[in-house]
Protein backbone atom coordinates (compact mmCIF):
# COMPACT_ATOMS: atom_id res chain seq x y z
CA MET A 1 0.00 0.00 0.00
CA LYS A 2 2.76 2.43 0.81
CA ILE A 3 4.28 2.04 -2.67
CA ASN A 4 0.95 2.77 -4.33
CA SER A 5 0.39 5.98 -2.32
CA ASP A 6 3.94 7.23 -3.05
CA TYR A 7 3.34 6.60 -6.74
CA ARG A 8 0.11 8.61 -6.66
CA ARG A 9 1.75 11.47 -4.80
CA ARG A 10 4.66 11.69 -7.28
CA ARG A 11 2.27 11.47 -10.19
CA GLY A 12 0.25 14.39 -8.77
CA GLN A 13 3.43 16.45 -8.42
CA LYS A 14 4.26 15.86 -12.07
CA LYS A 15 0.80 17.01 -13.11
CA SER A 16 1.13 20.22 -11.11
CA ARG A 17 4.60 20.87 -12.56
CA GLY A 18 3.24 20.35 -16.06
CA ALA A 19 0.33 22.66 -15.40
CA SER A 20 2.69 25.34 -14.08
CA LEU A 21 4.82 25.06 -17.19
CA VAL A 22 1.78 25.46 -19.43
CA GLU A 23 0.66 28.52 -17.45
CA VAL A 24 4.11 30.13 -17.72
CA VAL A 25 4.27 29.53 -21.48
CA ALA A 26 0.74 30.89 -21.95
CA GLY A 27 1.65 33.97 -19.92
CA LEU A 28 4.78 34.55 -21.98
CA PHE A 29 2.70 34.50 -25.16
CA ILE A 30 0.90 37.55 -23.77
CA ILE A 31 3.75 39.33 -21.96
CA ILE A 32 6.39 39.19 -24.72
CA PRO A 33 4.23 40.90 -27.42
CA LEU A 34 3.18 43.55 -24.89
CA PHE A 35 6.82 44.17 -24.02
CA LEU A 36 7.72 44.48 -27.72
CA CYS A 37 4.85 46.94 -28.24
CA ILE A 38 6.15 49.07 -25.38
CA ILE A 39 9.61 49.10 -26.96
CA ASP A 40 8.13 50.10 -30.34
CA LEU A 41 6.05 52.88 -28.82
CA SER A 42 9.12 54.16 -27.01
CA ALA A 43 11.05 54.25 -30.28
CA ILE A 44 8.24 56.18 -31.97
CA VAL A 45 8.08 58.71 -29.13
CA VAL A 46 11.87 59.18 -29.14
CA GLY A 47 11.83 59.61 -32.92
CA GLN A 48 9.13 62.28 -32.72
CA ILE A 49 10.99 64.14 -29.97
CA VAL A 50 14.13 64.11 -32.12
CA ASN A 51 12.12 65.39 -35.09
CA ASP A 52 10.60 68.22 -33.06
CA ALA A 53 14.03 69.28 -31.80
CA LEU A 54 15.45 69.13 -35.33
CA ALA A 55 12.66 71.33 -36.69
CA LYS A 56 13.18 73.82 -33.87
CA ARG A 57 16.95 74.00 -34.47
CA ALA A 58 16.46 74.46 -38.21
CA ALA A 59 13.87 77.20 -37.64
CA ARG A 60 16.22 79.04 -35.26
CA ALA A 61 19.04 78.87 -37.79
CA ALA A 62 16.78 80.12 -40.60
CA ALA A 63 15.36 82.93 -38.45
CA GLN A 64 18.81 84.49 -38.14
CA LYS A 65 19.15 85.06 -41.90
CA LYS A 66 18.14 88.10 -43.95
CA ASN A 67 16.56 86.41 -46.97
CA SER A 68 14.88 83.21 -48.05
CA GLY A 69 17.91 81.76 -49.84
CA ASP A 70 20.21 82.13 -46.84
CA ALA A 71 17.50 80.78 -44.55
CA ASN A 72 17.02 77.73 -46.76
CA THR A 73 20.78 77.08 -46.80
CA ALA A 74 21.04 77.42 -43.01
CA ALA A 75 18.07 75.12 -42.35
CA SER A 76 19.29 72.55 -44.90
CA THR A 77 22.72 72.54 -43.26
CA ILE A 78 21.21 71.83 -39.84
CA VAL A 79 19.05 68.99 -41.18
CA SER A 80 21.79 67.44 -43.33
CA THR A 81 24.33 67.40 -40.48
CA TYR A 82 21.97 65.41 -38.25
CA LYS A 83 23.62 62.08 -37.48
CA ILE A 84 21.25 59.22 -38.12
CA ASN A 85 20.95 56.42 -35.57
CA GLY A 86 19.10 53.13 -35.17
CA ILE A 87 15.71 54.75 -34.70
CA VAL A 88 15.84 57.82 -36.99
CA THR A 89 17.34 56.69 -40.29
CA GLN A 90 16.53 59.61 -42.56
CA ALA A 91 15.99 63.33 -41.97
CA GLN A 92 14.98 65.92 -44.54
CA LEU A 93 13.78 69.48 -44.78
CA HIS A 94 10.23 69.18 -46.07
CA LYS A 95 9.10 72.81 -46.29
CA LEU A 96 10.37 76.29 -45.49
CA ASP A 97 8.25 79.46 -45.46
CA PHE A 98 10.29 82.61 -44.92
CA ASN A 99 8.20 85.66 -44.01
CA THR A 100 5.40 84.74 -46.43
CA ASP A 101 2.69 86.16 -44.19
CA GLY A 102 4.45 89.51 -43.65
CA GLN A 103 4.66 89.00 -39.88
CA GLY A 104 8.35 88.16 -39.84
CA ASN A 105 8.15 84.43 -39.12
CA VAL A 106 9.97 81.39 -40.41
CA VAL A 107 7.97 78.17 -40.59
CA ILE A 108 9.94 74.96 -41.04
CA GLU A 109 8.62 71.45 -41.58
CA THR A 110 10.92 68.48 -41.22
CA ARG A 111 10.33 64.84 -42.00
CA VAL A 112 12.16 61.88 -40.49
CA GLN A 113 11.92 58.16 -41.08
CA ILE A 114 11.56 56.11 -37.92
CA ASN A 115 12.40 52.42 -37.77
CA VAL A 116 10.90 50.48 -34.91
CA PRO A 117 12.96 47.71 -33.29
CA ALA A 118 10.26 45.01 -33.48
CA PRO A 119 7.84 45.74 -36.36
CA ILE A 120 4.45 44.03 -36.20
CA PRO A 121 3.05 43.46 -39.70
CA ILE A 122 -0.64 43.54 -38.75
CA VAL A 123 -0.40 46.84 -36.80
CA PRO A 124 0.20 49.82 -39.13
CA LEU A 125 1.62 51.95 -36.31
CA PHE A 126 4.44 49.47 -35.69
CA GLN A 127 5.68 49.00 -39.25
CA ASN A 128 9.19 49.87 -40.33
CA GLY A 129 9.88 52.99 -42.33
CA ARG A 130 7.27 55.19 -40.65
CA PHE A 131 7.55 58.87 -41.57
CA MET A 132 6.93 61.56 -38.95
CA HIS A 133 6.48 65.27 -39.58
CA ALA A 134 7.26 68.22 -37.31
CA ARG A 135 6.64 71.93 -37.67
CA ALA A 136 8.39 74.82 -35.93
CA THR A 137 7.83 78.58 -36.14
CA GLU A 138 10.38 81.20 -35.10
CA PRO A 139 10.35 84.98 -35.42
CA ILE A 140 12.90 86.41 -37.83
CA VAL A 141 15.51 88.38 -35.91
CA MET A 142 17.34 89.89 -38.89
CA LEU A 143 14.50 91.86 -40.52
CA PRO A 144 15.34 95.47 -41.36
CA ALA A 145 13.35 98.11 -39.54
CA GLY A 146 10.26 99.41 -41.33
CA PRO A 147 9.79 103.05 -42.52
């Protein structure tokens, strides 16, 4: 009798170990994709912050010039000297408006390409090669005084 009860007890322990393993694996199937989504969202947020800062720097550089040509050159230089990294792989000057409204403002739009670390094909937000736009406005500081 003692042998039979030991056998049953060991067999019950194996069942509970197997059930625990199944629960852990099932939990990982939920936790790992959530973790990857958090990493992707973090990459998108970092990429947008970088794009906003780039647009602001380009607008400040353009606002210190006297005419549209010099402003375009200054803004293009700022954008082209940006060092790409693993998240932001491409940066470009999308649009520049130099004092078009007569109020003495420079409006710059930049566009960067953001690559997420773990793209998910069925979620459009988490696909590789996502383009983000940013806009910055700065007052022109080199305008000549009016009459």
